[in-house]
Amino acid sequence: MKKWILPVLCVILNAVLFVGNYKMHQSNEKMHAANVKLYEQNVATEEAFEHRYDKYETEITDYEGFENYPLKAEQSEINKYYEKREAMYMHAVSAPTDVVFVGDSITDRFAWEECYPDLAVKRRAIVGDTTAGVLSRTDSVLATEPKKIFLLIGTNDLYALSKEQELDEEAYQEVLNNYIAILDTYQEQAPDTKIYVESVLPMREMEESKKERKDYNELIQRFNKDLVMICSDHKVTYLNFWKLLADENGVLKETYAMDGLHLTPQAYREMKPYIDECVYE
């Protein structure tokens, strides 16, 4: 073998190895970039599943001052909070909107809009709100010209009613009438908007509520049955999240309970696929 052949083969082999290593390096860089992108997407998703607390919530508890029905109490701090949120909603209007989530703290504490970056999504929820409150602010919801509305309200109404030893049937009926009026208003002023009503969710006993009536969850179940009838009469979709989140004893599952009433991120994860189906149908 000629002396020059071996060095040439070594050069060729080194060149092949260099090209191979270079291509592998490029492939690794692309894989790294893809992993970074996937990580960023996962972080964004996880952030969407974290509770979002408004700055006012550090000063105002959900039930503070709500000792009597109706829950829109006269305590100044709560009214200031409510008024600020409503003023913000009335002035932060952009339309049309794909989806609006309406409700109380259960809706207010979760960033639904971050779950659907491809859609125009808004929250119109206020901590401590009631059916009377939602009825009084239908304008700020309809001003967004929503294609779809998700409504979860009634928890605070029923919580207040459960404080009485004997259920005030007239007050209970007033809550139902408020709900009917809300749906009537939405349908009359936005007939093309699809409405999805979410069941009132079960509650788990909180330390401060041990002296409350023991049949609070029974009251919610009664209300949800009436709500099914209301939804049927109005031909709107009813989402039974009670069944999804309640345990065999009819109370909020421990893994879903942040404080007895409010939900953990895991609870929202359980609800989300059903919401997704409605959002994209």
C-alpha atoms as a PDB file:
ATOM      1  CA  MET A   1       0.000   0.000   0.000  1.00  0.00           C
ATOM      2  CA  LYS A   2       1.308   3.363  -0.946  1.00  0.00           C
ATOM      3  CA  LYS A   3       2.365   5.568   1.924  1.00  0.00           C
ATOM      4  CA  TRP A   4       0.039   8.425   0.982  1.00  0.00           C
ATOM      5  CA  ILE A   5      -3.142   6.275   1.057  1.00  0.00           C
ATOM      6  CA  LEU A   6      -3.291   5.912   4.872  1.00  0.00           C
ATOM      7  CA  PRO A   7      -3.047   9.659   5.612  1.00  0.00           C
ATOM      8  CA  VAL A   8      -5.689  10.361   2.967  1.00  0.00           C
ATOM      9  CA  LEU A   9      -8.021   7.784   4.501  1.00  0.00           C
ATOM     10  CA  CYS A  10      -7.465   9.355   7.912  1.00  0.00           C
ATOM     11  CA  VAL A  11      -8.308  12.780   6.524  1.00  0.00           C
ATOM     12  CA  ILE A  12     -11.454  11.456   4.858  1.00  0.00           C
ATOM     13  CA  LEU A  13     -12.495   9.623   8.039  1.00  0.00           C
ATOM     14  CA  ASN A  14     -11.932  12.730  10.138  1.00  0.00           C
ATOM     15  CA  ALA A  15     -13.960  14.786   7.659  1.00  0.00           C
ATOM     16  CA  VAL A  16     -16.837  12.284   7.827  1.00  0.00           C
ATOM     17  CA  LEU A  17     -16.719  12.297  11.611  1.00  0.00           C
ATOM     18  CA  PHE A  18     -16.634  16.104  11.651  1.00  0.00           C
ATOM     19  CA  VAL A  19     -19.671  16.361   9.374  1.00  0.00           C
ATOM     20  CA  GLY A  20     -21.492  13.757  11.461  1.00  0.00           C
ATOM     21  CA  ASN A  21     -20.702  15.554  14.704  1.00  0.00           C
ATOM     22  CA  TYR A  22     -21.759  18.894  13.200  1.00  0.00           C
ATOM     23  CA  LYS A  23     -25.113  17.485  12.068  1.00  0.00           C
ATOM     24  CA  MET A  24     -25.596  15.880  15.487  1.00  0.00           C
ATOM     25  CA  HIS A  25     -24.820  19.227  17.130  1.00  0.00           C
ATOM     26  CA  GLN A  26     -27.415  20.960  14.938  1.00  0.00           C
ATOM     27  CA  SER A  27     -29.937  18.254  15.758  1.00  0.00           C
ATOM     28  CA  ASN A  28     -29.245  18.662  19.480  1.00  0.00           C
ATOM     29  CA  GLU A  29     -29.686  22.423  19.211  1.00  0.00           C
ATOM     30  CA  LYS A  30     -33.058  21.971  17.493  1.00  0.00           C
ATOM     31  CA  MET A  31     -34.106  19.451  20.144  1.00  0.00           C
ATOM     32  CA  HIS A  32     -33.003  21.830  22.875  1.00  0.00           C
ATOM     33  CA  ALA A  33     -35.000  24.671  21.306  1.00  0.00           C
ATOM     34  CA  ALA A  34     -38.051  22.408  21.055  1.00  0.00           C
ATOM     35  CA  ASN A  35     -37.664  21.388  24.700  1.00  0.00           C
ATOM     36  CA  VAL A  36     -37.355  25.033  25.762  1.00  0.00           C
ATOM     37  CA  LYS A  37     -40.525  25.889  23.835  1.00  0.00           C
ATOM     38  CA  LEU A  38     -42.357  22.915  25.364  1.00  0.00           C
ATOM     39  CA  TYR A  39     -41.160  23.936  28.831  1.00  0.00           C
ATOM     40  CA  GLU A  40     -42.394  27.499  28.286  1.00  0.00           C
ATOM     41  CA  GLN A  41     -45.775  26.171  27.150  1.00  0.00           C
ATOM     42  CA  ASN A  42     -45.995  23.927  30.220  1.00  0.00           C
ATOM     43  CA  VAL A  43     -45.090  26.814  32.512  1.00  0.00           C
ATOM     44  CA  ALA A  44     -47.778  28.976  30.895  1.00  0.00           C
ATOM     45  CA  THR A  45     -50.312  26.174  31.321  1.00  0.00           C
ATOM     46  CA  GLU A  46     -49.387  25.666  34.967  1.00  0.00           C
ATOM     47  CA  GLU A  47     -49.666  29.397  35.592  1.00  0.00           C
ATOM     48  CA  ALA A  48     -53.187  29.291  34.192  1.00  0.00           C
ATOM     49  CA  PHE A  49     -54.037  26.674  36.809  1.00  0.00           C
ATOM     50  CA  GLU A  50     -52.904  28.841  39.725  1.00  0.00           C
ATOM     51  CA  HIS A  51     -55.350  30.802  41.823  1.00  0.00           C
ATOM     52  CA  ARG A  52     -55.360  34.483  40.939  1.00  0.00           C
ATOM     53  CA  TYR A  53     -56.068  36.725  43.918  1.00  0.00           C
ATOM     54  CA  ASP A  54     -57.081  40.311  43.365  1.00  0.00           C
ATOM     55  CA  LYS A  55     -55.159  42.860  45.463  1.00  0.00           C
ATOM     56  CA  TYR A  56     -58.345  43.709  47.330  1.00  0.00           C
ATOM     57  CA  GLU A  57     -58.800  40.130  48.488  1.00  0.00           C
ATOM     58  CA  THR A  58     -55.942  40.503  50.934  1.00  0.00           C
ATOM     59  CA  GLU A  59     -58.106  43.012  52.798  1.00  0.00           C
ATOM     60  CA  ILE A  60     -61.594  41.593  52.316  1.00  0.00           C
ATOM     61  CA  THR A  61     -62.657  38.042  53.102  1.00  0.00           C
ATOM     62  CA  ASP A  62     -65.323  36.411  50.994  1.00  0.00           C
ATOM     63  CA  TYR A  63     -67.994  36.366  53.691  1.00  0.00           C
ATOM     64  CA  GLU A  64     -67.041  39.359  55.779  1.00  0.00           C
ATOM     65  CA  GLY A  65     -70.088  41.541  56.281  1.00  0.00           C
ATOM     66  CA  PHE A  66     -72.412  39.142  54.502  1.00  0.00           C
ATOM     67  CA  GLU A  67     -74.435  38.198  57.544  1.00  0.00           C
ATOM     68  CA  ASN A  68     -77.881  38.763  56.090  1.00  0.00           C
ATOM     69  CA  TYR A  69     -79.590  38.134  52.824  1.00  0.00           C
ATOM     70  CA  PRO A  70     -79.229  39.681  50.291  1.00  0.00           C
ATOM     71  CA  LEU A  71     -75.458  39.474  50.320  1.00  0.00           C
ATOM     72  CA  LYS A  72     -74.786  42.843  48.721  1.00  0.00           C
ATOM     73  CA  ALA A  73     -74.176  44.300  52.156  1.00  0.00           C
ATOM     74  CA  GLU A  74     -73.749  47.933  53.178  1.00  0.00           C
ATOM     75  CA  GLN A  75     -70.256  47.545  54.592  1.00  0.00           C
ATOM     76  CA  SER A  76     -68.160  50.218  52.953  1.00  0.00           C
ATOM     77  CA  GLU A  77     -65.045  48.162  52.220  1.00  0.00           C
ATOM     78  CA  ILE A  78     -66.991  45.448  50.421  1.00  0.00           C
ATOM     79  CA  ASN A  79     -69.000  47.993  48.481  1.00  0.00           C
ATOM     80  CA  LYS A  80     -65.793  49.780  47.456  1.00  0.00           C
ATOM     81  CA  TYR A  81     -64.341  46.524  46.195  1.00  0.00           C
ATOM     82  CA  TYR A  82     -67.535  45.646  44.326  1.00  0.00           C
ATOM     83  CA  GLU A  83     -67.850  49.113  42.826  1.00  0.00           C
ATOM     84  CA  LYS A  84     -64.218  49.151  41.683  1.00  0.00           C
ATOM     85  CA  ARG A  85     -64.577  45.809  39.943  1.00  0.00           C
ATOM     86  CA  GLU A  86     -67.825  46.806  38.271  1.00  0.00           C
ATOM     87  CA  ALA A  87     -66.376  50.158  37.191  1.00  0.00           C
ATOM     88  CA  MET A  88     -63.389  48.354  35.725  1.00  0.00           C
ATOM     89  CA  TYR A  89     -65.644  45.984  33.818  1.00  0.00           C
ATOM     90  CA  MET A  90     -67.780  48.808  32.450  1.00  0.00           C
ATOM     91  CA  HIS A  91     -64.762  50.782  31.221  1.00  0.00           C
ATOM     92  CA  ALA A  92     -62.601  47.874  30.044  1.00  0.00           C
ATOM     93  CA  VAL A  93     -64.895  46.859  27.220  1.00  0.00           C
ATOM     94  CA  SER A  94     -63.770  45.459  23.905  1.00  0.00           C
ATOM     95  CA  ALA A  95     -66.102  43.674  21.562  1.00  0.00           C
ATOM     96  CA  PRO A  96     -66.949  41.282  20.125  1.00  0.00           C
ATOM     97  CA  THR A  97     -65.872  38.600  22.589  1.00  0.00           C
ATOM     98  CA  ASP A  98     -65.793  34.856  22.102  1.00  0.00           C
ATOM     99  CA  VAL A  99     -66.398  33.785  25.712  1.00  0.00           C
ATOM    100  CA  VAL A 100     -67.286  35.537  28.975  1.00  0.00           C
ATOM    101  CA  PHE A 101     -67.110  33.813  32.353  1.00  0.00           C
ATOM    102  CA  VAL A 102     -69.569  35.320  34.848  1.00  0.00           C
ATOM    103  CA  GLY A 103     -69.794  34.592  38.558  1.00  0.00           C
ATOM    104  CA  ASP A 104     -68.372  35.082  42.028  1.00  0.00           C
ATOM    105  CA  SER A 105     -65.001  34.269  43.630  1.00  0.00           C
ATOM    106  CA  ILE A 106     -64.927  30.729  42.238  1.00  0.00           C
ATOM    107  CA  THR A 107     -64.773  32.226  38.749  1.00  0.00           C
ATOM    108  CA  ASP A 108     -62.814  35.330  39.757  1.00  0.00           C
ATOM    109  CA  ARG A 109     -59.967  33.264  41.219  1.00  0.00           C
ATOM    110  CA  PHE A 110     -59.146  31.356  38.034  1.00  0.00           C
ATOM    111  CA  ALA A 111     -57.616  32.847  34.887  1.00  0.00           C
ATOM    112  CA  TRP A 112     -59.823  31.207  32.285  1.00  0.00           C
ATOM    113  CA  GLU A 113     -58.674  33.695  29.655  1.00  0.00           C
ATOM    114  CA  GLU A 114     -55.154  32.251  29.842  1.00  0.00           C
ATOM    115  CA  CYS A 115     -56.476  28.811  28.917  1.00  0.00           C
ATOM    116  CA  TYR A 116     -57.680  30.022  25.522  1.00  0.00           C
ATOM    117  CA  PRO A 117     -55.034  32.319  24.021  1.00  0.00           C
ATOM    118  CA  ASP A 118     -56.524  31.770  20.568  1.00  0.00           C
ATOM    119  CA  LEU A 119     -59.851  33.307  21.636  1.00  0.00           C
ATOM    120  CA  ALA A 120     -61.095  36.612  23.030  1.00  0.00           C
ATOM    121  CA  VAL A 121     -62.017  35.570  26.577  1.00  0.00           C
ATOM    122  CA  LYS A 122     -63.037  37.750  29.522  1.00  0.00           C
ATOM    123  CA  ARG A 123     -63.968  37.324  33.168  1.00  0.00           C
ATOM    124  CA  ARG A 124     -66.877  39.262  34.612  1.00  0.00           C
ATOM    125  CA  ALA A 125     -66.724  37.841  38.132  1.00  0.00           C
ATOM    126  CA  ILE A 126     -66.616  39.537  41.525  1.00  0.00           C
ATOM    127  CA  VAL A 127     -65.701  38.035  44.890  1.00  0.00           C
ATOM    128  CA  GLY A 128     -68.758  37.592  47.114  1.00  0.00           C
ATOM    129  CA  ASP A 129     -71.247  38.239  44.325  1.00  0.00           C
ATOM    130  CA  THR A 130     -74.811  36.899  44.292  1.00  0.00           C
ATOM    131  CA  THR A 131     -77.610  36.368  41.807  1.00  0.00           C
ATOM    132  CA  ALA A 132     -78.873  39.866  42.639  1.00  0.00           C
ATOM    133  CA  GLY A 133     -75.441  41.299  41.898  1.00  0.00           C
ATOM    134  CA  VAL A 134     -75.099  39.497  38.573  1.00  0.00           C
ATOM    135  CA  LEU A 135     -78.592  40.620  37.621  1.00  0.00           C
ATOM    136  CA  SER A 136     -77.675  44.231  38.364  1.00  0.00           C
ATOM    137  CA  ARG A 137     -74.608  44.104  36.120  1.00  0.00           C
ATOM    138  CA  THR A 138     -75.861  42.340  33.019  1.00  0.00           C
ATOM    139  CA  ASP A 139     -74.932  45.462  31.008  1.00  0.00           C
ATOM    140  CA  SER A 140     -71.197  45.009  31.598  1.00  0.00           C
ATOM    141  CA  VAL A 141     -71.456  41.416  30.377  1.00  0.00           C
ATOM    142  CA  LEU A 142     -73.554  42.089  27.297  1.00  0.00           C
ATOM    143  CA  ALA A 143     -71.450  45.130  26.372  1.00  0.00           C
ATOM    144  CA  THR A 144     -68.686  42.708  25.355  1.00  0.00           C
ATOM    145  CA  GLU A 145     -71.012  41.200  22.706  1.00  0.00           C
ATOM    146  CA  PRO A 146     -70.164  37.645  23.755  1.00  0.00           C
ATOM    147  CA  LYS A 147     -70.707  34.618  21.572  1.00  0.00           C
ATOM    148  CA  LYS A 148     -70.857  32.435  24.674  1.00  0.00           C
ATOM    149  CA  ILE A 149     -71.504  33.038  28.381  1.00  0.00           C
ATOM    150  CA  PHE A 150     -70.560  30.661  31.198  1.00  0.00           C
ATOM    151  CA  LEU A 151     -72.505  31.427  34.374  1.00  0.00           C
ATOM    152  CA  LEU A 152     -71.678  30.107  37.856  1.00  0.00           C
ATOM    153  CA  ILE A 153     -73.576  31.974  40.582  1.00  0.00           C
ATOM    154  CA  GLY A 154     -75.681  31.225  43.659  1.00  0.00           C
ATOM    155  CA  THR A 155     -73.100  29.939  46.137  1.00  0.00           C
ATOM    156  CA  ASN A 156     -73.147  33.049  48.314  1.00  0.00           C
ATOM    157  CA  ASP A 157     -76.955  33.309  48.173  1.00  0.00           C
ATOM    158  CA  LEU A 158     -77.331  29.774  49.490  1.00  0.00           C
ATOM    159  CA  TYR A 159     -74.581  30.189  52.058  1.00  0.00           C
ATOM    160  CA  ALA A 160     -76.447  33.156  53.518  1.00  0.00           C
ATOM    161  CA  LEU A 161     -79.758  31.303  53.534  1.00  0.00           C
ATOM    162  CA  SER A 162     -78.169  28.342  55.320  1.00  0.00           C
ATOM    163  CA  LYS A 163     -77.349  30.541  58.312  1.00  0.00           C
ATOM    164  CA  GLU A 164     -81.009  30.585  59.317  1.00  0.00           C
ATOM    165  CA  GLN A 165     -82.407  27.772  61.443  1.00  0.00           C
ATOM    166  CA  GLU A 166     -85.470  27.654  59.209  1.00  0.00           C
ATOM    167  CA  LEU A 167     -85.119  28.133  55.488  1.00  0.00           C
ATOM    168  CA  ASP A 168     -86.700  31.360  54.287  1.00  0.00           C
ATOM    169  CA  GLU A 169     -88.717  30.002  51.360  1.00  0.00           C
ATOM    170  CA  GLU A 170     -89.502  33.477  50.038  1.00  0.00           C
ATOM    171  CA  ALA A 171     -85.826  34.401  49.987  1.00  0.00           C
ATOM    172  CA  TYR A 172     -85.012  31.081  48.326  1.00  0.00           C
ATOM    173  CA  GLN A 173     -87.603  31.741  45.636  1.00  0.00           C
ATOM    174  CA  GLU A 174     -86.139  35.206  45.148  1.00  0.00           C
ATOM    175  CA  VAL A 175     -82.775  33.630  44.321  1.00  0.00           C
ATOM    176  CA  LEU A 176     -84.466  31.441  41.697  1.00  0.00           C
ATOM    177  CA  ASN A 177     -86.326  34.456  40.325  1.00  0.00           C
ATOM    178  CA  ASN A 178     -83.040  36.360  40.051  1.00  0.00           C
ATOM    179  CA  TYR A 179     -81.571  33.490  38.075  1.00  0.00           C
ATOM    180  CA  ILE A 180     -84.561  33.439  35.742  1.00  0.00           C
ATOM    181  CA  ALA A 181     -84.292  37.200  35.265  1.00  0.00           C
ATOM    182  CA  ILE A 182     -80.572  36.914  34.437  1.00  0.00           C
ATOM    183  CA  LEU A 183     -81.224  34.329  31.728  1.00  0.00           C
ATOM    184  CA  ASP A 184     -84.226  36.279  30.430  1.00  0.00           C
ATOM    185  CA  THR A 185     -82.090  39.408  30.100  1.00  0.00           C
ATOM    186  CA  TYR A 186     -79.245  37.621  28.341  1.00  0.00           C
ATOM    187  CA  GLN A 187     -81.596  35.938  25.890  1.00  0.00           C
ATOM    188  CA  GLU A 188     -83.691  39.008  25.184  1.00  0.00           C
ATOM    189  CA  GLN A 189     -80.737  41.334  24.600  1.00  0.00           C
ATOM    190  CA  ALA A 190     -78.348  38.806  23.041  1.00  0.00           C
ATOM    191  CA  PRO A 191     -80.507  36.140  21.380  1.00  0.00           C
ATOM    192  CA  ASP A 192     -77.600  34.670  19.406  1.00  0.00           C
ATOM    193  CA  THR A 193     -75.395  34.180  22.473  1.00  0.00           C
ATOM    194  CA  LYS A 194     -75.030  30.612  23.735  1.00  0.00           C
ATOM    195  CA  ILE A 195     -75.403  30.278  27.493  1.00  0.00           C
ATOM    196  CA  TYR A 196     -73.890  27.582  29.692  1.00  0.00           C
ATOM    197  CA  VAL A 197     -75.062  27.350  33.301  1.00  0.00           C
ATOM    198  CA  GLU A 198     -72.750  25.652  35.781  1.00  0.00           C
ATOM    199  CA  SER A 199     -74.217  23.938  38.817  1.00  0.00           C
ATOM    200  CA  VAL A 200     -73.556  25.399  42.241  1.00  0.00           C
ATOM    201  CA  LEU A 201     -70.632  23.430  43.634  1.00  0.00           C
ATOM    202  CA  PRO A 202     -70.529  21.368  46.828  1.00  0.00           C
ATOM    203  CA  MET A 203     -68.877  22.728  49.943  1.00  0.00           C
ATOM    204  CA  ARG A 204     -66.596  21.123  52.481  1.00  0.00           C
ATOM    205  CA  GLU A 205     -66.949  22.095  56.130  1.00  0.00           C
ATOM    206  CA  MET A 206     -64.665  24.959  57.103  1.00  0.00           C
ATOM    207  CA  GLU A 207     -63.430  25.584  60.640  1.00  0.00           C
ATOM    208  CA  GLU A 208     -65.385  28.827  60.895  1.00  0.00           C
ATOM    209  CA  SER A 209     -68.553  27.233  59.543  1.00  0.00           C
ATOM    210  CA  LYS A 210     -68.933  24.380  62.034  1.00  0.00           C
ATOM    211  CA  LYS A 211     -71.886  26.133  63.634  1.00  0.00           C
ATOM    212  CA  GLU A 212     -73.631  26.509  60.275  1.00  0.00           C
ATOM    213  CA  ARG A 213     -76.575  24.357  59.325  1.00  0.00           C
ATOM    214  CA  LYS A 214     -75.588  20.791  58.522  1.00  0.00           C
ATOM    215  CA  ASP A 215     -77.795  20.633  55.411  1.00  0.00           C
ATOM    216  CA  TYR A 216     -75.993  23.281  53.381  1.00  0.00           C
ATOM    217  CA  ASN A 217     -75.036  20.773  50.671  1.00  0.00           C
ATOM    218  CA  GLU A 218     -78.592  19.438  50.662  1.00  0.00           C
ATOM    219  CA  LEU A 219     -79.794  22.975  50.003  1.00  0.00           C
ATOM    220  CA  ILE A 220     -77.354  23.238  47.096  1.00  0.00           C
ATOM    221  CA  GLN A 221     -78.644  19.964  45.652  1.00  0.00           C
ATOM    222  CA  ARG A 222     -82.218  21.216  45.914  1.00  0.00           C
ATOM    223  CA  PHE A 223     -81.194  24.440  44.182  1.00  0.00           C
ATOM    224  CA  ASN A 224     -79.370  22.565  41.416  1.00  0.00           C
ATOM    225  CA  LYS A 225     -82.489  20.507  40.719  1.00  0.00           C
ATOM    226  CA  ASP A 226     -84.468  23.715  40.356  1.00  0.00           C
ATOM    227  CA  LEU A 227     -81.680  25.090  38.195  1.00  0.00           C
ATOM    228  CA  VAL A 228     -81.974  22.127  35.834  1.00  0.00           C
ATOM    229  CA  MET A 229     -85.644  22.984  35.319  1.00  0.00           C
ATOM    230  CA  ILE A 230     -84.830  26.648  34.715  1.00  0.00           C
ATOM    231  CA  CYS A 231     -82.199  25.696  32.147  1.00  0.00           C
ATOM    232  CA  SER A 232     -84.641  23.351  30.443  1.00  0.00           C
ATOM    233  CA  ASP A 233     -87.273  26.097  30.225  1.00  0.00           C
ATOM    234  CA  HIS A 234     -84.717  28.496  28.742  1.00  0.00           C
ATOM    235  CA  LYS A 235     -83.173  25.843  26.480  1.00  0.00           C
ATOM    236  CA  VAL A 236     -79.646  26.492  27.745  1.00  0.00           C
ATOM    237  CA  THR A 237     -76.919  23.963  28.543  1.00  0.00           C
ATOM    238  CA  TYR A 238     -76.546  22.836  32.157  1.00  0.00           C
ATOM    239  CA  LEU A 239     -73.108  21.634  33.303  1.00  0.00           C
ATOM    240  CA  ASN A 240     -73.307  19.342  36.329  1.00  0.00           C
ATOM    241  CA  PHE A 241     -69.994  20.011  38.060  1.00  0.00           C
ATOM    242  CA  TRP A 242     -71.554  19.022  41.388  1.00  0.00           C
ATOM    243  CA  LYS A 243     -71.384  15.379  40.322  1.00  0.00           C
ATOM    244  CA  LEU A 244     -67.789  15.826  39.189  1.00  0.00           C
ATOM    245  CA  LEU A 245     -66.468  17.425  42.394  1.00  0.00           C
ATOM    246  CA  ALA A 246     -68.575  15.884  45.190  1.00  0.00           C
ATOM    247  CA  ASP A 247     -67.509  12.785  47.113  1.00  0.00           C
ATOM    248  CA  GLU A 248     -69.704   9.861  48.149  1.00  0.00           C
ATOM    249  CA  ASN A 249     -71.011  11.907  51.098  1.00  0.00           C
ATOM    250  CA  GLY A 250     -72.109  14.784  48.917  1.00  0.00           C
ATOM    251  CA  VAL A 251     -69.400  17.235  50.004  1.00  0.00           C
ATOM    252  CA  LEU A 252     -66.533  18.798  48.068  1.00  0.00           C
ATOM    253  CA  LYS A 253     -63.704  16.276  47.712  1.00  0.00           C
ATOM    254  CA  GLU A 254     -60.795  17.083  49.980  1.00  0.00           C
ATOM    255  CA  THR A 255     -58.314  17.211  47.089  1.00  0.00           C
ATOM    256  CA  TYR A 256     -60.461  19.883  45.426  1.00  0.00           C
ATOM    257  CA  ALA A 257     -60.960  22.058  48.519  1.00  0.00           C
ATOM    258  CA  MET A 258     -58.709  25.051  49.072  1.00  0.00           C
ATOM    259  CA  ASP A 259     -60.556  26.186  52.198  1.00  0.00           C
ATOM    260  CA  GLY A 260     -63.841  24.282  52.149  1.00  0.00           C
ATOM    261  CA  LEU A 261     -65.461  26.360  49.422  1.00  0.00           C
ATOM    262  CA  HIS A 262     -62.827  27.658  47.029  1.00  0.00           C
ATOM    263  CA  LEU A 263     -61.181  25.295  44.592  1.00  0.00           C
ATOM    264  CA  THR A 264     -57.659  23.975  44.190  1.00  0.00           C
ATOM    265  CA  PRO A 265     -55.967  24.044  40.772  1.00  0.00           C
ATOM    266  CA  GLN A 266     -56.669  20.321  40.536  1.00  0.00           C
ATOM    267  CA  ALA A 267     -60.423  20.983  40.690  1.00  0.00           C
ATOM    268  CA  TYR A 268     -60.190  23.430  37.806  1.00  0.00           C
ATOM    269  CA  ARG A 269     -58.203  20.833  35.868  1.00  0.00           C
ATOM    270  CA  GLU A 270     -61.093  18.399  36.319  1.00  0.00           C
ATOM    271  CA  MET A 271     -63.608  20.966  35.107  1.00  0.00           C
ATOM    272  CA  LYS A 272     -61.594  22.272  32.181  1.00  0.00           C
ATOM    273  CA  PRO A 273     -62.164  19.431  29.638  1.00  0.00           C
ATOM    274  CA  TYR A 274     -65.926  19.938  29.913  1.00  0.00           C
ATOM    275  CA  ILE A 275     -65.521  23.687  29.556  1.00  0.00           C
ATOM    276  CA  ASP A 276     -63.199  23.126  26.581  1.00  0.00           C
ATOM    277  CA  GLU A 277     -65.815  21.042  24.818  1.00  0.00           C
ATOM    278  CA  CYS A 278     -68.366  23.818  25.140  1.00  0.00           C
ATOM    279  CA  VAL A 279     -65.924  26.603  24.279  1.00  0.00           C
ATOM    280  CA  TYR A 280     -64.925  24.955  20.995  1.00  0.00           C
ATOM    281  CA  GLU A 281     -68.197  23.336  19.952  1.00  0.00           C
END
